Protein backbone atom coordinates (compact mmCIF):
# COMPACT_ATOMS: atom_id res chain seq x y z
CA MET A 1 11.15 31.13 -27.96
CA SER A 2 11.14 29.74 -24.60
CA LYS A 3 13.34 26.76 -23.70
CA THR A 4 11.41 23.58 -23.01
CA SER A 5 12.58 20.90 -20.51
CA LYS A 6 11.21 17.74 -19.31
CA PRO A 7 12.48 15.79 -16.46
CA ARG A 8 12.93 12.02 -16.88
CA ARG A 9 10.12 9.86 -15.63
CA GLY A 10 10.59 7.22 -13.07
CA SER A 11 10.98 7.81 -9.48
CA LEU A 12 14.23 6.72 -7.81
CA GLN A 13 12.15 5.78 -4.83
CA TYR A 14 11.39 2.32 -6.42
CA SER A 15 14.47 0.06 -6.50
CA PRO A 16 15.10 -2.47 -7.86
CA ARG A 17 12.65 -2.46 -10.51
CA VAL A 18 11.81 -5.99 -10.70
CA ARG A 19 8.81 -8.36 -11.24
CA ALA A 20 6.47 -8.70 -8.25
CA LYS A 21 6.89 -11.96 -6.33
CA ARG A 22 3.20 -12.76 -6.57
CA ILE A 23 0.44 -11.65 -8.84
CA TYR A 24 -1.60 -10.49 -5.92
CA PRO A 25 -0.10 -8.67 -2.99
CA THR A 26 -0.19 -9.22 0.88
CA LEU A 27 -1.27 -6.57 3.53
CA ARG A 28 1.94 -5.47 5.27
CA SER A 29 0.63 -2.56 7.25
CA PHE A 30 -2.87 -1.72 8.47
CA LEU A 31 -4.77 0.97 10.57
CA ARG A 32 -6.94 0.11 13.60
CA THR A 33 -10.56 0.82 12.56
CA GLU A 34 -14.12 -0.09 13.74
CA SER A 35 -14.11 -2.95 11.40
CA LEU A 36 -11.89 -5.95 12.87
CA LEU A 37 -10.99 -7.10 9.38
CA GLY A 38 -8.04 -5.30 8.20
CA GLY A 39 -8.56 -5.45 4.52
CA PHE A 40 -10.49 -7.02 1.62
CA ALA A 41 -9.96 -8.42 -1.84
CA ALA A 42 -11.68 -7.56 -5.32
CA TYR A 43 -11.26 -8.10 -8.80
CA LYS A 44 -10.80 -5.22 -11.16
CA VAL A 45 -13.52 -4.99 -13.69
CA GLY A 46 -13.07 -1.69 -15.74
CA MET A 47 -13.76 2.03 -15.78
CA LEU A 48 -16.98 4.14 -16.09
CA GLN A 49 -18.17 7.60 -15.46
CA ILE A 50 -20.40 8.54 -12.48
CA LYS A 51 -22.73 11.33 -12.50
CA MET A 52 -23.12 12.71 -9.04
CA VAL A 53 -23.52 15.55 -6.77
CA GLY A 54 -20.35 17.39 -5.58
CA ASN A 55 -19.88 16.51 -1.91
CA LYS A 56 -16.62 17.96 -0.93
CA LYS A 57 -17.31 20.91 1.46
CA GLY A 58 -15.37 24.14 0.40
CA SER A 59 -15.12 23.04 -3.16
CA VAL A 60 -16.36 25.28 -6.00
CA LEU A 61 -18.20 22.25 -7.27
CA TYR A 62 -20.07 21.53 -3.94
CA GLY A 63 -23.72 20.83 -4.48
CA LYS A 64 -23.42 20.90 -8.26
CA ASP A 65 -23.82 18.08 -10.73
CA ILE A 66 -20.63 16.74 -11.87
CA VAL A 67 -19.18 13.74 -13.84
CA VAL A 68 -16.15 11.85 -12.41
CA PRO A 69 -14.25 8.95 -13.72
CA ALA A 70 -14.49 5.83 -11.59
CA THR A 71 -13.21 2.21 -11.49
CA ILE A 72 -15.69 -0.63 -10.63
CA LEU A 73 -14.31 -3.79 -8.80
CA GLU A 74 -16.18 -7.02 -8.14
CA ALA A 75 -15.85 -8.36 -4.51
CA PRO A 76 -17.39 -11.73 -4.01
CA ASP A 77 -17.67 -12.88 -0.29
CA LEU A 78 -14.28 -13.89 1.37
CA PHE A 79 -14.41 -17.35 2.92
CA ALA A 80 -12.67 -17.70 6.28
CA VAL A 81 -10.38 -20.94 6.33
CA GLY A 82 -8.44 -20.60 9.46
CA VAL A 83 -6.28 -18.31 11.71
CA VAL A 84 -2.66 -17.78 12.44
CA SER A 85 -1.21 -16.28 15.64
CA TYR A 86 1.96 -14.34 15.63
CA GLU A 87 4.27 -13.06 18.44
CA SER A 88 6.41 -10.06 18.30
CA THR A 89 10.03 -10.64 18.61
CA PRO A 90 13.13 -8.32 18.42
CA TYR A 91 13.37 -9.48 14.76
CA GLY A 92 9.71 -8.95 13.81
CA LEU A 93 6.72 -11.08 13.89
CA ARG A 94 7.12 -14.94 14.28
CA ALA A 95 4.37 -17.42 13.43
CA LEU A 96 3.31 -19.05 16.82
CA ASP A 97 0.40 -21.34 15.96
CA SER A 98 -2.15 -21.95 13.33
CA TYR A 99 -5.66 -23.61 12.62
CA VAL A 100 -7.25 -24.49 9.43
CA GLU A 101 -10.78 -25.61 9.06
CA SER A 102 -10.78 -29.06 7.31
CA ASN A 103 -14.44 -29.41 6.95
CA ALA A 104 -14.89 -26.30 4.80
CA SER A 105 -17.96 -26.16 2.41
CA ILE A 106 -15.56 -25.00 -0.39
CA LYS A 107 -13.04 -27.77 0.13
CA LYS A 108 -13.26 -29.04 -3.35
CA TYR A 109 -12.09 -25.55 -4.46
CA LEU A 110 -9.51 -25.13 -1.75
CA GLU A 111 -7.81 -28.50 -2.88
CA ARG A 112 -6.89 -26.89 -6.08
CA LYS A 113 -4.53 -24.57 -4.20
CA ILE A 114 -3.41 -26.31 -0.99
CA LYS A 115 -3.46 -29.79 0.43
CA ILE A 116 -6.16 -30.10 3.35
CA SER A 117 -5.74 -32.89 6.11
CA LYS A 118 -8.69 -35.22 6.34
CA GLU A 119 -8.22 -35.54 10.09
CA LYS A 120 -9.10 -32.64 12.51
CA LYS A 121 -6.02 -32.52 14.67
CA LYS A 122 -7.19 -29.51 17.19
CA SER A 123 -9.77 -26.87 17.61
CA LEU A 124 -9.52 -23.13 17.46
CA ASP A 125 -9.44 -22.96 21.44
CA ASP A 126 -6.20 -24.90 21.46
CA ILE A 127 -4.28 -22.29 19.47
CA LYS A 128 -1.43 -20.55 21.45
CA LYS A 129 -2.10 -16.91 22.24
CA PRO A 130 0.61 -14.67 22.13
CA GLU A 131 1.22 -11.96 24.92
CA GLU A 132 2.20 -9.45 22.53
CA GLY A 133 1.43 -10.00 18.85
CA ILE A 134 -1.29 -10.20 16.21
CA LEU A 135 -3.90 -12.55 14.77
CA ARG A 136 -4.49 -13.03 11.21
CA LEU A 137 -7.40 -14.69 9.43
CA ILE A 138 -6.59 -17.13 6.60
CA VAL A 139 -9.20 -16.37 3.82
CA ALA A 140 -9.95 -17.50 0.37
CA THR A 141 -11.64 -15.87 -2.53
CA GLN A 142 -14.46 -17.30 -4.52
CA PRO A 143 -13.89 -16.40 -8.00
CA TRP A 144 -16.64 -18.87 -9.22
CA LYS A 145 -19.20 -16.57 -7.87
CA ALA A 146 -17.49 -13.60 -9.89
CA GLY A 147 -17.17 -12.97 -13.70
CA VAL A 148 -13.49 -13.68 -13.98
CA GLY A 149 -13.95 -17.27 -15.27
CA LYS A 150 -11.92 -19.44 -13.05
CA LYS A 151 -12.41 -21.75 -10.10
CA THR A 152 -8.91 -21.68 -8.25
CA PRO A 153 -9.29 -19.47 -5.26
CA GLU A 154 -6.56 -17.04 -4.08
CA ILE A 155 -5.55 -17.72 -0.30
CA PHE A 156 -3.87 -15.13 1.79
CA GLU A 157 -3.94 -13.74 5.35
CA VAL A 158 -5.75 -10.54 6.49
CA PRO A 159 -4.80 -9.14 9.95
CA LEU A 160 -7.41 -8.51 12.67
CA VAL A 161 -6.96 -5.04 13.93
CA SER A 162 -8.10 -5.52 17.61
CA ASN A 163 -6.62 -7.07 20.67
CA ILE A 164 -5.99 -10.81 20.82
CA ASP A 165 -9.18 -11.52 22.80
CA GLU A 166 -11.50 -9.78 20.63
CA ALA A 167 -9.81 -11.06 17.55
CA PHE A 168 -10.29 -14.76 18.70
CA THR A 169 -13.93 -13.97 19.41
CA TYR A 170 -14.37 -12.66 15.89
CA ALA A 171 -12.37 -15.65 14.20
CA LYS A 172 -14.58 -18.14 16.05
CA GLU A 173 -17.63 -16.61 14.60
CA LYS A 174 -16.38 -16.34 11.02
CA ILE A 175 -14.21 -19.54 10.36
CA GLY A 176 -16.29 -21.52 7.94
CA LYS A 177 -18.56 -18.75 6.93
CA GLU A 178 -18.57 -15.90 4.30
CA ILE A 179 -17.49 -12.40 4.97
CA PRO A 180 -19.14 -9.85 2.81
CA VAL A 181 -17.63 -6.68 1.73
CA SER A 182 -20.21 -4.58 3.24
CA GLU A 183 -18.93 -5.50 6.89
CA VAL A 184 -15.65 -3.86 6.03
CA PHE A 185 -16.34 -0.79 3.65
CA LYS A 186 -19.00 1.68 3.32
CA PRO A 187 -19.71 4.45 0.74
CA GLY A 188 -17.83 7.54 1.72
CA MET A 189 -14.70 5.89 3.14
CA PHE A 190 -11.23 6.41 1.91
CA VAL A 191 -9.24 3.34 1.14
CA ASP A 192 -5.66 2.41 -0.01
CA VAL A 193 -5.26 0.21 -3.11
CA ILE A 194 -2.40 -2.41 -3.26
CA GLY A 195 -1.93 -4.22 -6.45
CA VAL A 196 0.50 -5.23 -9.16
CA THR A 197 0.66 -3.10 -12.23
CA LYS A 198 0.40 -3.92 -16.02
CA GLY A 199 3.28 -5.88 -17.16
CA LYS A 200 5.20 -4.41 -20.18
CA GLY A 201 8.25 -6.72 -20.21
CA PHE A 202 11.86 -5.72 -21.08
CA GLU A 203 11.91 -1.97 -22.18
CA GLY A 204 14.59 0.56 -23.08
CA SER A 205 15.41 3.78 -21.27
CA VAL A 206 13.14 5.87 -23.43
CA LYS A 207 9.96 3.96 -22.65
CA ARG A 208 11.01 3.15 -19.14
CA PHE A 209 12.38 6.55 -17.91
CA GLY A 210 11.19 8.99 -20.63
CA VAL A 211 14.82 10.16 -21.66
CA LYS A 212 15.09 12.38 -24.56
CA ILE A 213 15.67 10.59 -28.04
CA GLN A 214 19.05 11.72 -29.43
CA LYS A 215 19.43 13.63 -32.76
CA ARG A 216 19.71 11.72 -35.90
CA GLY A 217 23.26 12.84 -36.76
CA LYS A 218 25.99 11.26 -38.96
CA SER A 219 27.45 9.35 -36.13
CA ASP A 220 26.84 5.69 -35.67
CA LYS A 221 25.75 6.05 -32.09
CA SER A 222 22.24 4.66 -30.93
CA ILE A 223 19.51 6.93 -30.79
CA ARG A 224 17.02 5.52 -28.14
CA ARG A 225 19.39 5.37 -25.16
CA VAL A 226 21.07 7.83 -22.71
CA GLY A 227 23.99 9.87 -24.13
CA ASN A 228 26.15 9.35 -21.16
CA LEU A 229 26.48 6.57 -18.43
CA GLY A 230 28.28 8.86 -15.96
CA PRO A 231 31.84 10.20 -15.26
CA TRP A 232 35.10 8.54 -15.52
CA HIS A 233 35.37 8.38 -11.83
CA PRO A 234 33.99 6.93 -9.77
CA ALA A 235 34.78 4.06 -12.07
CA LYS A 236 31.16 2.48 -12.00
CA THR A 237 27.66 3.11 -13.24
CA SER A 238 25.65 4.81 -10.88
CA TRP A 239 22.00 3.52 -9.84
CA ARG A 240 20.58 6.92 -10.66
CA VAL A 241 21.41 6.63 -14.45
CA PRO A 242 18.21 5.35 -16.46
CA GLN A 243 18.90 2.14 -18.19
CA HIS A 244 16.84 -0.64 -19.87
CA GLY A 245 15.20 -3.21 -17.94
CA GLN A 246 11.75 -4.72 -16.52
CA HIS A 247 9.01 -2.20 -17.02
CA GLY A 248 5.60 -2.90 -15.29
CA TYR A 249 4.41 -5.94 -13.15
CA HIS A 250 5.49 -3.95 -10.09
CA ARG A 251 3.70 -4.08 -6.61
CA ARG A 252 2.47 -0.57 -6.06
CA THR A 253 0.20 1.14 -3.38
CA GLU A 254 -2.08 4.02 -4.15
CA LEU A 255 -3.33 5.91 -1.26
CA ASN A 256 -6.80 7.74 -0.56
CA LYS A 257 -9.09 6.15 -2.94
CA TYR A 258 -12.78 7.38 -2.24
CA ILE A 259 -15.60 4.79 -2.29
CA LEU A 260 -18.60 6.17 -4.28
CA ASP A 261 -20.78 2.93 -3.98
CA VAL A 262 -21.00 -0.57 -2.46
CA GLY A 263 -23.68 -2.88 -3.44
CA GLU A 264 -24.96 -6.04 -5.05
CA ALA A 265 -24.82 -6.71 -8.83
CA LYS A 266 -27.70 -4.98 -10.63
CA GLU A 267 -28.47 -4.10 -14.32
CA ASP A 268 -27.32 -0.50 -13.77
CA VAL A 269 -23.65 -1.56 -13.50
CA ASN A 270 -23.65 -4.30 -16.29
CA PRO A 271 -23.47 -3.26 -19.87
CA LYS A 272 -25.75 -5.34 -22.09
CA SER A 273 -22.73 -7.00 -23.82
CA GLY A 274 -20.77 -7.29 -20.45
CA TRP A 275 -17.58 -5.60 -19.51
CA MET A 276 -14.95 -5.66 -22.09
CA HIS A 277 -12.16 -8.22 -21.14
CA TYR A 278 -14.16 -9.25 -18.18
CA GLY A 279 -17.81 -10.41 -18.55
CA ILE A 280 -20.75 -10.04 -16.26
CA ILE A 281 -20.62 -8.70 -12.54
CA LYS A 282 -22.40 -11.43 -10.64
CA SER A 283 -21.79 -10.63 -7.01
CA ASN A 284 -21.00 -7.52 -4.91
CA TYR A 285 -19.17 -4.56 -6.32
CA ILE A 286 -17.29 -1.59 -5.21
CA ILE A 287 -16.96 1.67 -7.17
CA LEU A 288 -13.87 3.83 -6.56
CA LYS A 289 -13.38 7.36 -7.70
CA GLY A 290 -10.45 7.66 -10.20
CA SER A 291 -8.38 4.96 -11.68
CA ILE A 292 -6.19 2.08 -10.19
CA MET A 293 -3.40 -0.13 -11.33
CA GLY A 294 -3.55 -3.55 -13.08
CA PRO A 295 -5.58 -4.93 -16.06
CA PRO A 296 -9.18 -6.22 -15.85
CA LYS A 297 -9.47 -9.53 -13.76
CA ARG A 298 -6.54 -8.74 -11.49
CA LEU A 299 -6.90 -9.08 -7.82
CA VAL A 300 -6.10 -6.02 -5.75
CA MET A 301 -6.09 -5.39 -2.10
CA LEU A 302 -8.14 -2.82 -0.33
CA ARG A 303 -7.51 -1.59 3.25
CA PRO A 304 -8.81 1.40 5.27
CA SER A 305 -6.71 4.56 4.44
CA VAL A 306 -3.57 4.78 6.79
CA ARG A 307 -3.32 8.45 6.08
CA PRO A 308 -6.94 9.78 5.24
CA PRO A 309 -7.29 13.26 4.10
CA SER A 310 -8.29 16.05 6.22
CA GLY A 311 -11.18 17.39 3.96
CA LYS A 312 -14.93 17.03 4.95
CA TYR A 313 -17.36 15.20 2.66
CA ASP A 314 -21.13 14.52 2.56
CA ASP A 315 -22.39 11.15 1.88
CA PRO A 316 -21.94 10.50 -1.90
CA GLN A 317 -25.24 10.93 -4.03
CA ILE A 318 -24.95 9.06 -7.34
CA GLU A 319 -27.44 10.03 -10.13
CA ASP A 320 -26.64 7.82 -12.88
CA TYR A 321 -24.01 5.36 -14.09
CA LEU A 322 -22.45 6.34 -17.53
CA ILE A 323 -21.36 3.05 -18.93
């Protein structure tokens, strides 16, 4: 009989394994693309199956009818609230100047999250432009237009992936207006998904790292723990030893998710009874191939792929939504 072995789970790349600072992430890095907006936000709805025509060139399934697992996200329009200019320093980016639109049409919702001054102190033209730096757009989600069942928006910054002059021109056009997801993403694009995973609380080493459960012998030792914490010397416990602690609710990034469809809410993507743990999709939606992190209603960030794959694909042809 062959010997079975199973390496323990849990990549040592992620350390320390602690809770995320915030339930929705920030965009730290980005790629310069045709769209000036470096990313978009969407609420996770659930999973479904898509019947489509295989469109990867060179694949044995190319041109054949296939069924693939997919995740649907609801992406209501983002509302541009203001801008922040950053200058490059030897120690990283430093905020130089900012501008927030005080007469926004969604002011009553924004005041749930931040305090907006009644007086308009300056205009967008008065903002200091850095010689070397970046401009970020302050945007707010509009969850009252989605099926998540809340009114308090999430407010965050999205980088404008262009030179400063083009970024300022784009910001002047968009401040105080809505930005639809169709301006940023199209079907057939690859995106990176950044989000916070499901929280599972304090877990032991068996659940957290998949270590082997010890035999139930005559000794009084514990069963669901590692057999040894390390050698006598060095006289300390190594960080490589799997131990108990926080499991889940971590910030993670999944690369190269393929966009199958981007559109407005319709009957094809809504079950008769609504999506379980979510409700009804009321605004724009995005369908990604495969699964992503997090439970339903969690906000995830999408950005154009920073390391897109080299394979060639035709435009996706969806035949049916198997909900």
